[in-house]
N, C-alpha and C. Protein backbone atom coordinates (compact mmCIF):
# COMPACT_ATOMS: atom_id res chain seq x y z
N MET A 1 1.39 -1.35 -0.33
CA MET A 1 -0.15 0.38 0.17
C MET A 1 0.85 1.12 0.21
N ARG A 2 0.86 1.71 -0.42
CA ARG A 2 1.95 3.40 -0.95
C ARG A 2 0.77 4.24 -0.10
N LEU A 3 2.05 4.41 0.16
CA LEU A 3 1.71 5.97 1.23
C LEU A 3 1.07 7.36 1.31
N LEU A 4 1.12 7.39 0.10
CA LEU A 4 1.30 8.84 0.05
C LEU A 4 1.03 8.75 -2.20
N ARG A 5 0.39 9.22 -2.75
CA ARG A 5 -0.43 9.32 -3.98
C ARG A 5 0.42 10.03 -4.82
N PRO A 6 0.24 9.17 -6.49
CA PRO A 6 1.78 10.16 -7.44
C PRO A 6 2.03 11.32 -6.74
N GLU A 7 0.05 11.60 -7.88
CA GLU A 7 0.96 13.43 -8.23
C GLU A 7 1.42 14.18 -7.13
N LEU A 8 0.95 13.72 -5.99
CA LEU A 8 2.25 14.29 -4.45
C LEU A 8 3.53 13.99 -4.93
N LEU A 9 3.85 13.36 -4.67
CA LEU A 9 5.07 13.07 -4.50
C LEU A 9 5.99 13.59 -5.99
N GLN A 10 5.11 13.55 -7.06
CA GLN A 10 5.31 14.39 -8.17
C GLN A 10 5.73 15.42 -8.39
N TRP A 11 4.99 16.16 -7.49
CA TRP A 11 5.28 17.82 -7.10
C TRP A 11 5.68 18.24 -6.45
N TYR A 12 5.87 17.00 -4.82
CA TYR A 12 7.46 17.61 -3.96
C TYR A 12 8.90 17.23 -5.14
N GLY A 13 8.39 16.44 -6.05
CA GLY A 13 9.82 16.27 -6.33
C GLY A 13 9.91 17.04 -7.59
N LEU A 14 9.13 17.34 -8.16
CA LEU A 14 9.78 18.50 -8.62
C LEU A 14 10.48 19.58 -7.92
N PHE A 15 9.57 20.71 -6.99
CA PHE A 15 9.02 21.70 -6.34
C PHE A 15 10.83 21.60 -5.25
N GLY A 16 10.46 20.61 -4.52
CA GLY A 16 11.05 20.65 -3.62
C GLY A 16 12.36 20.87 -2.96
N ALA A 17 13.61 20.73 -4.19
CA ALA A 17 14.97 21.02 -4.06
C ALA A 17 14.33 22.32 -4.35
N ALA A 18 14.37 22.12 -5.01
CA ALA A 18 14.17 24.36 -4.98
C ALA A 18 13.03 24.78 -4.06
N LEU A 19 13.44 24.11 -3.19
CA LEU A 19 12.33 24.92 -2.47
C LEU A 19 12.80 25.10 -1.31
N ALA A 20 13.57 24.76 -1.12
CA ALA A 20 14.51 23.75 -0.03
C ALA A 20 15.77 24.26 -0.44
N TRP A 21 16.37 25.00 -1.32
CA TRP A 21 17.55 26.18 -2.22
C TRP A 21 17.45 27.07 -1.95
N ALA A 22 16.27 27.27 -1.92
CA ALA A 22 15.72 29.36 -1.49
C ALA A 22 15.76 29.11 0.14
N GLY A 23 15.02 28.68 0.34
CA GLY A 23 14.70 29.00 1.76
C GLY A 23 15.79 28.62 2.71
N GLN A 24 17.11 27.96 2.69
CA GLN A 24 18.41 27.89 3.08
C GLN A 24 19.47 29.11 2.28
N HIS A 25 19.31 29.48 1.01
CA HIS A 25 19.87 31.02 0.88
C HIS A 25 19.82 31.11 1.50
N VAL A 26 18.48 31.77 1.97
CA VAL A 26 18.42 32.83 2.86
C VAL A 26 17.69 33.11 4.24
N VAL A 27 17.98 31.74 4.55
CA VAL A 27 18.54 31.46 5.74
C VAL A 27 19.88 32.16 6.02
N ASN A 28 20.61 31.88 5.66
CA ASN A 28 21.99 31.45 4.84
C ASN A 28 22.44 33.27 5.04
N ILE A 29 21.53 33.95 4.08
CA ILE A 29 21.59 35.41 3.49
C ILE A 29 21.16 36.46 4.79
N GLY A 30 20.02 36.40 5.37
CA GLY A 30 20.61 36.40 6.58
C GLY A 30 20.88 36.62 8.50
N ALA A 31 21.62 35.23 8.43
CA ALA A 31 22.30 34.81 9.24
C ALA A 31 23.83 35.81 8.85
N GLY A 32 24.38 35.92 7.30
CA GLY A 32 25.29 36.40 7.33
C GLY A 32 25.28 38.46 7.92
N LEU A 33 23.60 38.34 7.36
CA LEU A 33 23.92 39.92 7.97
C LEU A 33 24.65 40.02 8.76
N ALA A 34 23.68 39.01 10.45
CA ALA A 34 23.29 39.56 10.76
C ALA A 34 24.38 39.25 12.27
N HIS A 35 25.44 38.49 11.33
CA HIS A 35 26.58 38.41 12.59
C HIS A 35 27.82 39.13 11.95
N CYS A 36 27.39 39.86 10.78
CA CYS A 36 28.20 41.27 10.45
C CYS A 36 27.41 42.23 10.54
N THR A 37 26.21 42.62 10.67
CA THR A 37 26.01 44.32 11.14
C THR A 37 26.31 44.59 12.14
N ASP A 38 27.21 45.46 12.97
CA ASP A 38 27.14 46.37 14.23
C ASP A 38 26.16 46.53 15.17
N ALA A 39 24.85 46.01 14.28
CA ALA A 39 23.48 46.64 14.81
C ALA A 39 23.65 45.24 15.91
N SER A 40 24.09 44.36 14.70
CA SER A 40 23.48 42.64 15.73
C SER A 40 24.11 41.79 15.93
N ARG A 41 25.14 42.45 15.87
CA ARG A 41 26.23 42.51 16.14
C ARG A 41 26.45 41.03 18.01
N HIS A 42 25.57 42.11 18.39
CA HIS A 42 25.59 41.78 20.32
C HIS A 42 25.00 40.53 20.82
N TRP A 43 24.52 39.58 19.00
CA TRP A 43 23.80 38.93 19.78
C TRP A 43 24.24 37.52 19.40
N GLY A 44 24.98 37.47 19.49
CA GLY A 44 26.70 37.11 18.79
C GLY A 44 26.36 35.50 18.40
N MET A 45 25.57 35.85 17.59
CA MET A 45 25.61 34.36 16.57
C MET A 45 26.99 34.03 16.16
N ASP A 46 26.93 32.66 16.61
CA ASP A 46 27.56 31.99 15.33
C ASP A 46 27.07 31.04 13.66
N ILE A 47 27.85 32.55 13.12
CA ILE A 47 27.54 31.81 11.30
C ILE A 47 28.01 30.43 10.55
N VAL A 48 29.25 29.71 11.27
CA VAL A 48 29.35 28.92 11.18
C VAL A 48 28.57 28.00 11.54
N THR A 49 27.99 28.05 12.95
CA THR A 49 27.27 27.42 13.13
C THR A 49 25.49 26.71 12.49
N TRP A 50 24.87 28.08 12.69
CA TRP A 50 23.53 28.43 11.77
C TRP A 50 24.08 28.50 10.09
N THR A 51 25.04 27.71 9.16
CA THR A 51 25.21 28.01 7.53
C THR A 51 25.60 25.94 8.15
N ILE A 52 25.93 25.87 8.72
CA ILE A 52 26.18 24.34 9.09
C ILE A 52 24.65 23.47 9.04
N VAL A 53 23.89 24.18 9.66
CA VAL A 53 22.39 23.29 10.48
C VAL A 53 21.73 24.07 9.73
N VAL A 54 21.28 25.03 8.80
CA VAL A 54 20.32 25.40 8.21
C VAL A 54 20.52 24.36 6.79
N SER A 55 21.95 24.41 6.41
CA SER A 55 22.64 23.53 5.07
C SER A 55 22.14 21.96 5.41
N ALA A 56 22.06 21.56 6.35
CA ALA A 56 21.96 20.53 6.78
C ALA A 56 20.40 19.88 6.33
N ILE A 57 20.03 20.57 6.91
CA ILE A 57 18.17 20.54 6.52
C ILE A 57 17.50 20.91 5.44
N GLY A 58 18.75 21.74 4.74
CA GLY A 58 18.02 22.42 3.06
C GLY A 58 18.66 20.54 2.58
N LEU A 59 19.65 20.87 2.93
CA LEU A 59 20.18 18.86 2.22
C LEU A 59 19.02 17.54 2.07
N THR A 60 18.60 17.93 3.25
CA THR A 60 17.85 17.12 3.61
C THR A 60 16.48 17.54 2.85
N PHE A 61 16.33 17.93 2.55
CA PHE A 61 14.83 18.01 2.20
C PHE A 61 14.60 17.94 0.72
N ALA A 62 16.24 18.37 -0.08
CA ALA A 62 16.32 18.14 -1.38
C ALA A 62 16.62 16.44 -1.97
N LEU A 63 17.39 16.12 -1.10
CA LEU A 63 18.02 14.43 -1.30
C LEU A 63 16.06 13.89 -1.26
N LEU A 64 15.41 14.25 -0.55
CA LEU A 64 14.71 13.80 -0.01
C LEU A 64 13.53 13.94 -1.95
N ALA A 65 13.49 14.88 -1.89
CA ALA A 65 12.76 15.46 -3.74
C ALA A 65 13.19 14.85 -4.27
N GLU A 66 14.95 14.34 -4.53
CA GLU A 66 15.10 14.19 -5.53
C GLU A 66 14.99 12.26 -5.23
N ALA A 67 14.81 11.50 -3.56
CA ALA A 67 14.23 10.38 -3.96
C ALA A 67 12.51 10.44 -4.29
N ALA A 68 11.84 11.55 -3.95
CA ALA A 68 10.55 10.32 -4.68
C ALA A 68 10.65 10.43 -5.88
N ALA A 69 11.32 11.68 -6.76
CA ALA A 69 11.50 11.96 -8.70
C ALA A 69 11.68 10.66 -8.60
N ILE A 70 13.21 10.73 -8.27
CA ILE A 70 13.30 8.78 -8.68
C ILE A 70 12.27 7.23 -8.68
N SER A 71 11.35 7.37 -7.16
CA SER A 71 10.44 6.55 -7.07
C SER A 71 9.21 6.85 -8.37
N VAL A 72 9.08 8.46 -8.60
CA VAL A 72 8.06 8.52 -9.92
C VAL A 72 8.58 7.28 -10.68
N LEU A 73 9.77 8.08 -11.24
CA LEU A 73 10.74 8.33 -12.45
C LEU A 73 10.37 6.40 -12.65
N LEU A 74 11.26 5.35 -11.21
CA LEU A 74 10.38 4.69 -12.24
C LEU A 74 9.19 3.35 -11.00
N GLU A 75 8.31 4.75 -10.83
CA GLU A 75 6.88 3.78 -11.15
C GLU A 75 6.77 4.32 -12.53
N THR A 76 6.59 4.54 -13.28
CA THR A 76 6.40 4.91 -14.42
C THR A 76 7.72 5.54 -15.79
N ARG A 77 8.52 4.43 -15.79
CA ARG A 77 8.88 3.54 -16.77
C ARG A 77 9.09 2.73 -17.65
N ASP A 78 7.57 2.78 -17.72
CA ASP A 78 7.03 1.86 -18.78
C ASP A 78 6.20 3.14 -19.75
N ALA A 79 6.18 4.47 -19.53
CA ALA A 79 5.27 5.45 -19.84
C ALA A 79 6.59 5.81 -21.17
N GLU A 80 5.68 7.14 -21.62
CA GLU A 80 6.90 7.84 -22.30
C GLU A 80 6.98 9.00 -21.96
N TYR A 81 7.97 10.57 -22.04
CA TYR A 81 7.55 11.37 -21.60
C TYR A 81 6.64 12.14 -22.53
N ASP A 82 6.12 11.19 -23.55
CA ASP A 82 4.69 12.07 -24.30
C ASP A 82 4.03 11.19 -24.71
N GLY A 83 3.34 10.85 -23.04
CA GLY A 83 2.91 9.31 -23.49
C GLY A 83 1.71 10.10 -23.08
N ALA A 84 0.38 9.63 -23.24
CA ALA A 84 -0.50 10.29 -22.71
C ALA A 84 -1.37 10.72 -21.02
N PRO A 85 -1.83 11.43 -20.22
CA PRO A 85 -1.80 11.83 -19.32
C PRO A 85 -2.65 10.52 -18.30
N PRO A 86 -1.75 10.41 -17.04
CA PRO A 86 -1.70 10.61 -15.74
C PRO A 86 -0.07 10.02 -16.72
N ALA A 87 0.08 8.69 -16.94
CA ALA A 87 1.16 8.35 -16.84
C ALA A 87 2.76 9.47 -17.70
N GLY A 88 2.75 9.61 -18.39
CA GLY A 88 3.22 10.56 -19.09
C GLY A 88 3.58 12.00 -19.28
N ARG A 89 2.58 12.11 -18.29
CA ARG A 89 2.74 14.04 -17.46
C ARG A 89 3.97 13.42 -16.14
N ARG A 90 3.56 12.59 -15.28
CA ARG A 90 4.67 12.23 -14.20
C ARG A 90 6.08 12.09 -14.92
N HIS A 91 5.49 10.90 -15.51
CA HIS A 91 7.42 10.43 -16.35
C HIS A 91 7.97 11.84 -16.66
N PHE A 92 7.68 12.35 -17.58
CA PHE A 92 7.88 14.34 -17.46
C PHE A 92 8.48 15.06 -16.98
N PHE A 93 8.10 14.89 -15.43
CA PHE A 93 7.97 15.69 -14.76
C PHE A 93 8.49 15.19 -13.46
N ALA A 94 9.39 13.71 -13.62
CA ALA A 94 10.43 12.86 -13.13
C ALA A 94 11.18 13.54 -13.47
N LEU A 95 11.53 13.32 -15.40
CA LEU A 95 13.02 13.27 -15.99
C LEU A 95 13.08 14.66 -15.38
N ALA A 96 12.76 15.53 -15.55
CA ALA A 96 12.86 16.50 -14.77
C ALA A 96 12.90 17.18 -13.71
N ALA A 97 12.55 16.72 -13.00
CA ALA A 97 13.23 16.50 -11.70
C ALA A 97 13.66 16.38 -10.80
N ALA A 98 14.20 15.61 -11.63
CA ALA A 98 16.11 13.76 -11.25
C ALA A 98 16.69 15.21 -11.74
N LEU A 99 16.79 15.38 -12.94
CA LEU A 99 18.14 16.32 -13.31
C LEU A 99 18.07 17.47 -12.03
N GLY A 100 17.05 18.45 -12.43
CA GLY A 100 16.64 19.63 -11.44
C GLY A 100 17.35 19.51 -10.18
N ASN A 101 17.13 18.31 -9.33
CA ASN A 101 17.51 18.43 -8.79
C ASN A 101 18.74 19.05 -7.71
N VAL A 102 18.94 17.31 -8.54
CA VAL A 102 21.05 17.51 -9.17
C VAL A 102 21.15 18.78 -8.99
N LEU A 103 20.77 19.46 -10.36
CA LEU A 103 21.37 20.71 -9.54
C LEU A 103 21.72 21.42 -8.33
N PHE A 104 20.30 21.89 -8.00
CA PHE A 104 19.97 22.53 -6.51
C PHE A 104 20.47 22.65 -5.35
N ILE A 105 21.37 20.37 -5.45
CA ILE A 105 21.49 19.97 -4.37
C ILE A 105 23.40 20.61 -4.49
N VAL A 106 23.94 20.35 -5.60
CA VAL A 106 25.00 21.39 -6.32
C VAL A 106 24.84 22.81 -5.81
N ALA A 107 24.07 23.38 -5.95
CA ALA A 107 24.19 24.94 -5.25
C ALA A 107 23.98 25.22 -3.67
N ILE A 108 22.76 24.01 -3.02
CA ILE A 108 22.79 23.89 -1.54
C ILE A 108 24.38 23.92 -1.61
N ILE A 109 25.30 23.34 -1.47
CA ILE A 109 27.07 23.05 -1.16
C ILE A 109 27.88 23.53 -2.22
N LEU A 110 27.54 24.84 -2.87
CA LEU A 110 28.20 25.72 -3.02
C LEU A 110 27.97 26.33 -2.20
N ASN A 111 27.31 27.11 -1.32
CA ASN A 111 25.83 27.28 -0.92
C ASN A 111 27.37 27.79 0.31
N VAL A 112 27.26 26.21 0.82
CA VAL A 112 27.97 26.63 2.23
C VAL A 112 29.51 26.26 1.84
N VAL A 113 29.61 26.92 1.48
CA VAL A 113 31.78 25.79 0.37
C VAL A 113 31.90 28.37 0.93
N GLY A 114 30.21 28.29 0.01
CA GLY A 114 30.79 30.35 -0.27
C GLY A 114 30.51 30.81 1.20
N ALA A 115 29.51 30.38 1.86
CA ALA A 115 29.16 30.85 2.92
C ALA A 115 30.66 31.00 4.65
N LEU A 116 31.25 29.46 4.10
CA LEU A 116 31.97 28.96 5.37
C LEU A 116 33.27 29.93 5.26
N ALA A 117 33.45 30.32 3.14
CA ALA A 117 34.64 30.50 3.54
C ALA A 117 35.09 32.08 3.44
N ALA A 118 33.65 32.24 3.25
CA ALA A 118 33.56 34.67 3.83
C ALA A 118 32.59 34.66 5.26
N THR A 119 33.73 34.01 6.09
CA THR A 119 32.73 34.87 7.59
C THR A 119 34.03 35.68 8.28
N ASP A 120 34.76 36.33 7.44
CA ASP A 120 34.83 36.92 7.74
C ASP A 120 34.58 38.46 7.88
N CYS A 121 33.52 38.92 7.91
CA CYS A 121 33.29 39.96 7.67
C CYS A 121 33.77 41.78 7.21
N ARG A 122 33.97 40.59 5.53
CA ARG A 122 35.07 42.88 4.90
C ARG A 122 33.98 43.73 4.41
N GLN A 123 34.52 44.87 3.97
CA GLN A 123 33.61 45.56 3.63
C GLN A 123 34.22 45.23 2.66
N ALA A 124 32.64 45.75 0.88
CA ALA A 124 33.95 46.16 0.38
C ALA A 124 34.07 47.60 -0.23
């Protein structure tokens, strides 16, 4: 028995990693600004801890989205991507999501590397 409907897996697989990257990116920017701004420096934010925790959460959601996309892809492997709906549409979206999620996972990893490499608050 399936716990989730295939349509929910399809849409989470398509948008889950993008939303995870966007959330991780916005929170990392906010944490960096709070760490480097004089008005909020007394908060004592540890930028490295925030970056690692938020990025781990984002990476987890992105990997779950990739797993959802691959699950739908395997479920519809007999359908053509331009086949009759709903199987053809699910297969098409799963193909797009499986590729797109890899790109968002790499973007999350690059955000972590960039945020951890620039924690010294230099002014431009």
